[in-house]
Amino acid sequence: MDPDKKNIAAIKTYEKAGFKIIQENKDEILMLKKLSVN
């Protein structure tokens, strides 16, 4: 996911869903979520 840095609500929602911030630039935040195979 790459939500706009100003969209705090979206970032918080993605974090609650298990996404982690892995990179930031001046406009965007790159977020990833690890998936497991069971």
N, C-alpha and C. Protein backbone atom coordinates (compact mmCIF):
# COMPACT_ATOMS: atom_id res chain seq x y z
N MET A 1 0.85 -1.15 0.00
CA MET A 1 0.00 0.00 0.00
C MET A 1 0.90 1.22 0.00
N ASP A 2 0.41 2.28 -0.59
CA ASP A 2 1.18 3.52 -0.56
C ASP A 2 0.26 4.72 -0.32
N PRO A 3 -0.28 4.83 0.90
CA PRO A 3 -1.17 5.95 1.19
C PRO A 3 -0.40 7.27 1.25
N ASP A 4 -1.11 8.35 0.96
CA ASP A 4 -0.56 9.69 1.09
C ASP A 4 -0.20 9.92 2.55
N LYS A 5 0.94 10.56 2.82
CA LYS A 5 1.36 10.80 4.20
C LYS A 5 0.36 11.63 4.99
N LYS A 6 -0.42 12.45 4.30
CA LYS A 6 -1.40 13.31 4.97
C LYS A 6 -2.67 12.55 5.36
N ASN A 7 -2.85 11.36 4.83
CA ASN A 7 -4.05 10.58 5.11
C ASN A 7 -3.82 9.69 6.34
N ILE A 8 -3.81 10.33 7.49
CA ILE A 8 -3.52 9.65 8.75
C ILE A 8 -4.54 8.54 9.03
N ALA A 9 -5.81 8.79 8.72
CA ALA A 9 -6.85 7.78 8.97
C ALA A 9 -6.56 6.50 8.18
N ALA A 10 -6.16 6.63 6.93
CA ALA A 10 -5.85 5.45 6.11
C ALA A 10 -4.64 4.71 6.67
N ILE A 11 -3.62 5.44 7.06
CA ILE A 11 -2.41 4.82 7.61
C ILE A 11 -2.75 4.04 8.87
N LYS A 12 -3.53 4.62 9.77
CA LYS A 12 -3.93 3.94 11.01
C LYS A 12 -4.75 2.69 10.70
N THR A 13 -5.64 2.79 9.71
CA THR A 13 -6.46 1.63 9.32
C THR A 13 -5.59 0.50 8.79
N TYR A 14 -4.63 0.82 7.93
CA TYR A 14 -3.73 -0.20 7.39
C TYR A 14 -2.89 -0.82 8.51
N GLU A 15 -2.43 0.00 9.46
CA GLU A 15 -1.65 -0.54 10.58
C GLU A 15 -2.49 -1.50 11.42
N LYS A 16 -3.75 -1.17 11.64
CA LYS A 16 -4.64 -2.06 12.39
C LYS A 16 -4.84 -3.38 11.65
N ALA A 17 -4.76 -3.34 10.32
CA ALA A 17 -4.93 -4.54 9.51
C ALA A 17 -3.63 -5.34 9.39
N GLY A 18 -2.55 -4.87 10.04
CA GLY A 18 -1.31 -5.62 10.05
C GLY A 18 -0.21 -5.11 9.13
N PHE A 19 -0.44 -4.01 8.44
CA PHE A 19 0.58 -3.44 7.57
C PHE A 19 1.61 -2.69 8.40
N LYS A 20 2.86 -2.72 7.95
CA LYS A 20 3.97 -2.03 8.60
C LYS A 20 4.59 -1.04 7.62
N ILE A 21 4.99 0.11 8.14
CA ILE A 21 5.68 1.10 7.31
C ILE A 21 7.10 0.60 7.06
N ILE A 22 7.48 0.53 5.78
CA ILE A 22 8.83 0.07 5.46
C ILE A 22 9.67 1.16 4.78
N GLN A 23 9.00 2.19 4.25
CA GLN A 23 9.75 3.27 3.59
C GLN A 23 8.88 4.51 3.54
N GLU A 24 9.52 5.67 3.67
CA GLU A 24 8.80 6.94 3.57
C GLU A 24 9.55 7.87 2.64
N ASN A 25 8.80 8.67 1.89
CA ASN A 25 9.40 9.78 1.15
C ASN A 25 8.58 11.02 1.48
N LYS A 26 8.77 12.12 0.77
CA LYS A 26 8.10 13.36 1.18
C LYS A 26 6.59 13.33 0.99
N ASP A 27 6.07 12.49 0.10
CA ASP A 27 4.63 12.47 -0.18
C ASP A 27 3.93 11.18 0.21
N GLU A 28 4.65 10.08 0.23
CA GLU A 28 4.00 8.78 0.42
C GLU A 28 4.71 7.93 1.46
N ILE A 29 3.98 6.93 1.91
CA ILE A 29 4.52 5.93 2.82
C ILE A 29 4.29 4.57 2.16
N LEU A 30 5.33 3.75 2.11
CA LEU A 30 5.19 2.40 1.56
C LEU A 30 4.98 1.44 2.71
N MET A 31 3.88 0.67 2.62
CA MET A 31 3.52 -0.26 3.68
C MET A 31 3.38 -1.67 3.11
N LEU A 32 3.84 -2.66 3.88
CA LEU A 32 3.72 -4.06 3.48
C LEU A 32 3.11 -4.87 4.62
N LYS A 33 2.53 -5.99 4.24
CA LYS A 33 1.99 -6.93 5.22
C LYS A 33 2.50 -8.32 4.86
N LYS A 34 3.09 -9.00 5.84
CA LYS A 34 3.54 -10.37 5.62
C LYS A 34 2.33 -11.30 5.67
N LEU A 35 2.27 -12.19 4.72
CA LEU A 35 1.21 -13.20 4.69
C LEU A 35 1.81 -14.55 5.01
N SER A 36 1.08 -15.34 5.75
CA SER A 36 1.57 -16.68 6.06
C SER A 36 0.75 -17.72 5.30
N VAL A 37 1.41 -18.82 5.00
CA VAL A 37 0.75 -19.93 4.32
C VAL A 37 0.63 -21.05 5.34
N ASN A 38 -0.58 -21.45 5.59
CA ASN A 38 -0.81 -22.52 6.57
C ASN A 38 -1.31 -23.76 5.91
